[in-house]
């Protein structure tokens, strides 16, 4: 297969803009690693007009997909976990071209998973977890049980991913298989939610109680990255937090996360005077107890 695809990637390998070229071949008929294709050709470039450019090819009775992605897009996927296939592709791929060992170093970094990178990813998963948990609980209290169920499933998924990252691993597509070995308590919660014979209301009620403890026990490590960044200043306006480059990935989950951390006494409110009588800017700072 490599020989068949060589004319497609050979020209790009000679371009200085190309950092690495990888080949992922389908090993099993039922495998979804290659998105139903027989092969994935992954090209990483320094920069391009489009962050992701894809072409599909046919040869004999087989098919292949070529993805050209920028280094910036790759790093975003790795940080946010927004394209989980990328971890499988990098792990299972054969390196066809590697400029200055860029791909080899990237694979090594992913295997070692440096602690700073883990802290950021744990923070992002924790923010998503809190958003789903808080919204799900509100729906439950309003007796919207089916919608609450959907949010709880997502919150458990983020809790599972958080536990996996905490253990120094990258979450794979088979998250529940991973978490079954690492954190069986979270796995049991998920099983109880989806297969229990109790009413949906009873299942959700028990799960919110159990989840509260598991979330509380991970609050310090899940908020560690955010607390570190907010410790750099005396206090922050919300607009300053949202425009801070290191905190931008938290996006729409930030507001709910801040309120949760205030409730847990990790953050405090600072009221700063405005020109309006009795109206204050609502600012945020790390709790004085932590400093």
Protein backbone atom coordinates (compact mmCIF):
# COMPACT_ATOMS: atom_id res chain seq x y z
CA UNK A 1 0.00 0.00 0.00
CA UNK A 2 2.87 2.34 0.79
CA UNK A 3 4.18 1.84 -2.77
CA UNK A 4 0.80 2.73 -4.26
CA UNK A 5 0.55 5.95 -2.21
CA UNK A 6 4.19 6.98 -2.66
CA UNK A 7 3.55 9.21 -5.73
CA UNK A 8 0.96 11.15 -3.70
CA UNK A 9 3.24 12.01 -0.77
CA UNK A 10 6.72 11.95 -2.33
CA UNK A 11 6.55 15.45 -3.80
CA UNK A 12 5.36 16.94 -0.49
CA UNK A 13 8.17 15.25 1.42
CA UNK A 14 10.65 17.43 -0.46
CA UNK A 15 8.91 20.66 0.58
CA UNK A 16 10.42 22.53 3.55
CA UNK A 17 6.92 23.24 4.85
CA UNK A 18 6.31 19.53 5.48
CA UNK A 19 7.17 18.35 9.00
CA UNK A 20 6.10 14.73 8.81
CA UNK A 21 4.15 12.14 6.84
CA UNK A 22 2.51 9.13 8.48
CA UNK A 23 0.63 6.11 7.21
CA UNK A 24 -2.12 4.34 9.15
CA UNK A 25 -3.34 1.08 7.63
CA UNK A 26 -6.54 -0.75 8.49
CA UNK A 27 -5.64 -3.91 10.40
CA UNK A 28 -9.06 -5.45 11.06
CA UNK A 29 -12.25 -5.41 9.03
CA UNK A 30 -14.33 -4.07 11.94
CA UNK A 31 -11.76 -1.47 13.02
CA UNK A 32 -12.85 2.18 12.91
CA UNK A 33 -9.35 3.58 13.47
CA UNK A 34 -9.13 4.57 9.81
CA UNK A 35 -12.74 5.81 9.49
CA UNK A 36 -13.72 2.89 7.19
CA UNK A 37 -10.79 3.64 4.83
CA UNK A 38 -8.10 1.07 4.06
CA UNK A 39 -5.41 3.65 4.72
CA UNK A 40 -4.97 7.13 6.16
CA UNK A 41 -2.14 9.32 4.90
CA UNK A 42 -1.48 12.03 7.46
CA UNK A 43 0.72 14.97 6.48
CA UNK A 44 1.74 17.57 9.07
CA UNK A 45 2.81 20.97 7.71
CA UNK A 46 4.08 24.16 9.35
CA UNK A 47 1.39 26.33 7.81
CA UNK A 48 -1.28 26.28 5.11
CA UNK A 49 -4.24 28.32 3.84
CA UNK A 50 -6.55 25.72 5.40
CA UNK A 51 -5.85 24.14 8.79
CA UNK A 52 -7.25 20.84 7.49
CA UNK A 53 -7.32 19.76 3.85
CA UNK A 54 -8.62 16.31 2.89
CA UNK A 55 -8.64 14.26 -0.33
CA UNK A 56 -10.06 10.78 -0.96
CA UNK A 57 -8.50 8.23 -3.34
CA UNK A 58 -9.58 4.92 -4.87
CA UNK A 59 -7.26 2.15 -6.06
CA UNK A 60 -8.28 -1.38 -7.09
CA UNK A 61 -11.13 -2.19 -4.69
CA UNK A 62 -9.71 -0.09 -1.87
CA UNK A 63 -9.90 3.52 -0.70
CA UNK A 64 -7.58 5.92 1.11
CA UNK A 65 -7.90 9.35 2.72
CA UNK A 66 -5.17 11.99 2.81
CA UNK A 67 -5.33 14.64 5.54
CA UNK A 68 -2.99 17.64 5.41
CA UNK A 69 -3.06 19.40 8.79
CA UNK A 70 -1.14 22.35 10.15
CA UNK A 71 1.06 22.07 13.23
CA UNK A 72 -1.25 24.56 14.97
CA UNK A 73 -4.33 22.43 14.27
CA UNK A 74 -2.57 19.30 15.47
CA UNK A 75 -1.56 20.95 18.75
CA UNK A 76 -5.13 22.20 19.25
CA UNK A 77 -6.55 18.70 18.75
CA UNK A 78 -4.04 17.26 21.19
CA UNK A 79 -4.74 19.93 23.82
CA UNK A 80 -8.53 20.02 23.57
CA UNK A 81 -9.07 16.35 22.74
CA UNK A 82 -11.53 17.52 20.07
CA UNK A 83 -10.33 14.91 17.54
CA UNK A 84 -9.74 11.71 19.50
CA UNK A 85 -8.79 9.77 16.39
CA UNK A 86 -5.55 11.75 16.16
CA UNK A 87 -4.12 9.91 19.19
CA UNK A 88 -4.83 6.54 17.57
CA UNK A 89 -3.38 7.68 14.25
CA UNK A 90 -0.17 8.92 15.87
CA UNK A 91 0.13 5.79 17.99
CA UNK A 92 -0.54 3.21 15.27
CA UNK A 93 1.08 4.97 12.33
CA UNK A 94 4.19 4.18 10.36
CA UNK A 95 6.46 7.19 9.82
CA UNK A 96 7.13 7.68 6.10
CA UNK A 97 8.92 11.01 6.41
CA UNK A 98 10.15 12.89 9.47
CA UNK A 99 11.90 16.26 9.25
CA UNK A 100 14.39 16.74 12.08
CA UNK A 101 12.64 13.98 14.08
CA UNK A 102 9.55 16.15 14.52
CA UNK A 103 7.13 13.18 14.56
CA UNK A 104 9.41 10.98 16.68
CA UNK A 105 9.68 13.72 19.31
CA UNK A 106 5.92 14.32 19.18
CA UNK A 107 5.21 10.63 19.76
CA UNK A 108 7.69 10.55 22.64
CA UNK A 109 6.06 13.60 24.23
CA UNK A 110 2.61 12.00 23.95
CA UNK A 111 3.89 8.83 25.61
CA UNK A 112 5.56 10.72 28.45
CA UNK A 113 2.60 13.15 28.76
CA UNK A 114 4.39 16.02 30.62
CA UNK A 115 2.67 17.11 33.82
CA UNK A 116 1.99 20.69 32.65
CA UNK A 117 0.15 19.37 29.61
CA UNK A 118 -1.83 17.04 31.87
CA UNK A 119 -2.82 19.93 34.16
CA UNK A 120 -4.27 21.92 31.25
CA UNK A 121 -6.18 18.91 29.88
CA UNK A 122 -7.48 18.04 33.36
CA UNK A 123 -8.66 21.63 33.75
CA UNK A 124 -10.56 21.53 30.46
CA UNK A 125 -12.18 18.18 31.26
CA UNK A 126 -13.09 19.39 34.76
CA UNK A 127 -14.73 22.52 33.31
CA UNK A 128 -16.82 20.40 30.91
CA UNK A 129 -17.67 18.02 33.77
CA UNK A 130 -18.93 20.85 36.00
CA UNK A 131 -20.99 22.36 33.15
CA UNK A 132 -22.73 19.03 32.38
CA UNK A 133 -23.20 18.18 36.07
CA UNK A 134 -24.69 21.59 37.02
CA UNK A 135 -26.99 21.73 33.98
CA UNK A 136 -28.04 18.10 34.50
CA UNK A 137 -28.87 18.69 38.15
CA UNK A 138 -30.99 21.75 37.27
CA UNK A 139 -32.93 19.66 34.72
CA UNK A 140 -33.38 16.89 37.30
CA UNK A 141 -34.77 19.33 39.88
CA UNK A 142 -37.24 20.53 37.21
CA UNK A 143 -38.26 16.87 36.67
CA UNK A 144 -36.88 16.85 33.10
CA UNK A 145 -35.50 13.37 33.65
CA UNK A 146 -34.69 12.34 30.07
CA UNK A 147 -32.73 15.54 29.41
CA UNK A 148 -31.05 15.22 32.81
CA UNK A 149 -30.05 11.66 31.89
CA UNK A 150 -28.35 12.89 28.72
CA UNK A 151 -26.32 15.48 30.66
CA UNK A 152 -25.37 12.97 33.36
CA UNK A 153 -24.04 10.50 30.77
CA UNK A 154 -21.86 13.28 29.37
CA UNK A 155 -20.70 14.36 32.84
CA UNK A 156 -19.69 10.77 33.66
CA UNK A 157 -17.79 10.61 30.38
CA UNK A 158 -15.82 13.74 31.32
CA UNK A 159 -15.24 12.35 34.82
CA UNK A 160 -13.86 9.17 33.27
CA UNK A 161 -11.58 11.12 30.92
CA UNK A 162 -10.39 13.26 33.84
CA UNK A 163 -9.49 10.13 35.83
CA UNK A 164 -7.58 8.67 32.86
CA UNK A 165 -5.56 11.88 32.35
CA UNK A 166 -4.91 12.08 36.10
CA UNK A 167 -3.30 8.65 35.80
CA UNK A 168 -0.92 9.92 33.11
CA UNK A 169 -2.70 8.42 30.09
CA UNK A 170 -4.46 9.88 27.06
CA UNK A 171 -8.18 9.01 26.83
CA UNK A 172 -8.80 6.68 23.89
CA UNK A 173 -12.01 6.06 21.94
CA UNK A 174 -12.67 3.09 24.27
CA UNK A 175 -12.81 5.29 27.37
CA UNK A 176 -14.95 2.92 29.44
CA UNK A 177 -12.62 0.00 28.81
CA UNK A 178 -9.75 2.19 30.04
CA UNK A 179 -11.57 3.49 33.10
CA UNK A 180 -12.76 0.01 34.07
CA UNK A 181 -9.11 -0.85 34.81
CA UNK A 182 -8.08 2.51 36.27
CA UNK A 183 -11.13 3.76 38.22
CA UNK A 184 -13.65 0.88 38.61
CA UNK A 185 -15.80 3.08 40.89
CA UNK A 186 -16.60 5.47 38.02
CA UNK A 187 -17.21 2.53 35.68
CA UNK A 188 -19.71 1.02 38.15
CA UNK A 189 -21.59 4.33 38.34
CA UNK A 190 -21.94 4.37 34.56
CA UNK A 191 -23.16 0.75 34.46
CA UNK A 192 -25.69 1.46 37.23
CA UNK A 193 -27.01 4.43 35.31
CA UNK A 194 -27.54 2.58 32.02
CA UNK A 195 -28.59 -0.93 33.14
CA UNK A 196 -30.26 -0.52 36.56
CA UNK A 197 -33.88 -1.67 36.82
CA UNK A 198 -34.80 1.21 39.13
CA UNK A 199 -36.82 4.13 37.80
CA UNK A 200 -34.94 6.82 35.91
CA UNK A 201 -35.63 9.30 38.73
CA UNK A 202 -34.16 6.93 41.34
CA UNK A 203 -31.10 6.20 39.20
CA UNK A 204 -30.42 9.88 38.67
CA UNK A 205 -30.93 10.73 42.34
CA UNK A 206 -28.41 8.10 43.46
CA UNK A 207 -25.99 9.09 40.75
CA UNK A 208 -26.00 12.78 41.65
CA UNK A 209 -25.16 11.87 45.25
CA UNK A 210 -22.31 9.57 44.24
CA UNK A 211 -21.00 11.95 41.57
CA UNK A 212 -20.89 14.84 44.02
CA UNK A 213 -18.34 12.99 46.13
CA UNK A 214 -16.22 11.93 43.14
CA UNK A 215 -16.25 15.46 41.70
CA UNK A 216 -15.43 17.02 45.09
CA UNK A 217 -12.44 14.69 45.50
CA UNK A 218 -11.04 15.93 42.16
CA UNK A 219 -11.81 19.63 42.55
CA UNK A 220 -8.29 20.63 43.64
CA UNK A 221 -6.49 18.82 40.83
CA UNK A 222 -9.17 19.72 38.26
CA UNK A 223 -8.95 23.43 39.04
CA UNK A 224 -5.17 23.52 39.56
CA UNK A 225 -4.36 24.98 36.13
CA UNK A 226 -6.99 27.74 36.39
CA UNK A 227 -5.90 28.63 39.96
CA UNK A 228 -2.26 28.82 38.84
CA UNK A 229 -3.12 31.31 36.08
CA UNK A 230 -5.45 33.43 38.23
CA UNK A 231 -2.77 33.62 40.95
CA UNK A 232 -0.68 35.84 38.66
CA UNK A 233 -2.87 38.89 39.37
CA UNK A 234 -4.59 40.40 42.42
CA UNK A 235 -8.00 40.11 40.76
CA UNK A 236 -9.52 39.62 37.32
CA UNK A 237 -12.52 40.98 35.46
CA UNK A 238 -14.41 38.26 33.59
CA UNK A 239 -13.46 39.80 30.23
CA UNK A 240 -9.77 39.61 31.24
CA UNK A 241 -10.14 35.93 32.13
CA UNK A 242 -11.79 35.15 28.80
CA UNK A 243 -9.12 37.01 26.80
CA UNK A 244 -6.19 35.40 28.64
CA UNK A 245 -4.57 33.16 25.96
CA UNK A 246 -3.93 30.25 28.34
CA UNK A 247 -7.58 30.26 29.48
CA UNK A 248 -9.30 30.73 26.11
CA UNK A 249 -9.84 26.96 25.59
CA UNK A 250 -12.20 26.91 28.61
CA UNK A 251 -14.62 28.92 26.46
CA UNK A 252 -18.33 28.69 27.37
CA UNK A 253 -17.70 26.50 30.43
CA UNK A 254 -15.75 29.21 32.27
CA UNK A 255 -18.67 31.08 33.84
CA UNK A 256 -20.16 27.95 35.43
CA UNK A 257 -16.72 26.78 36.56
CA UNK A 258 -16.00 30.10 38.32
CA UNK A 259 -19.31 29.94 40.21
CA UNK A 260 -18.61 26.35 41.27
CA UNK A 261 -15.14 27.28 42.58
CA UNK A 262 -16.59 30.25 44.49
CA UNK A 263 -19.07 27.87 46.09
CA UNK A 264 -16.15 25.60 47.07
CA UNK A 265 -14.22 28.61 48.52
CA UNK A 266 -11.32 28.30 46.07
CA UNK A 267 -12.15 31.65 44.47
CA UNK A 268 -13.56 34.88 45.92
CA UNK A 269 -15.57 37.82 44.60
CA UNK A 270 -13.96 41.27 44.57
CA UNK A 271 -16.30 44.23 43.98
CA UNK A 272 -14.59 47.11 42.18
CA UNK A 273 -16.34 50.48 42.00
CA UNK A 274 -17.76 51.77 38.71
CA UNK A 275 -18.99 55.25 37.79
CA UNK A 276 -22.52 54.12 38.64
CA UNK A 277 -23.74 54.68 42.19
CA UNK A 278 -23.89 51.35 44.01
CA UNK A 279 -22.89 49.35 40.90
CA UNK A 280 -19.66 47.35 40.99
CA UNK A 281 -17.51 45.37 38.61
CA UNK A 282 -17.71 41.74 39.72
CA UNK A 283 -14.10 40.55 39.74
CA UNK A 284 -12.53 37.26 40.76
CA UNK A 285 -9.46 36.30 42.73
CA UNK A 286 -7.90 33.20 44.22
CA UNK A 287 -9.10 32.67 47.78
CA UNK A 288 -6.87 34.32 50.36
CA UNK A 289 -6.83 30.99 52.23
CA UNK A 290 -4.86 29.47 49.34
CA UNK A 291 -2.25 32.21 49.06
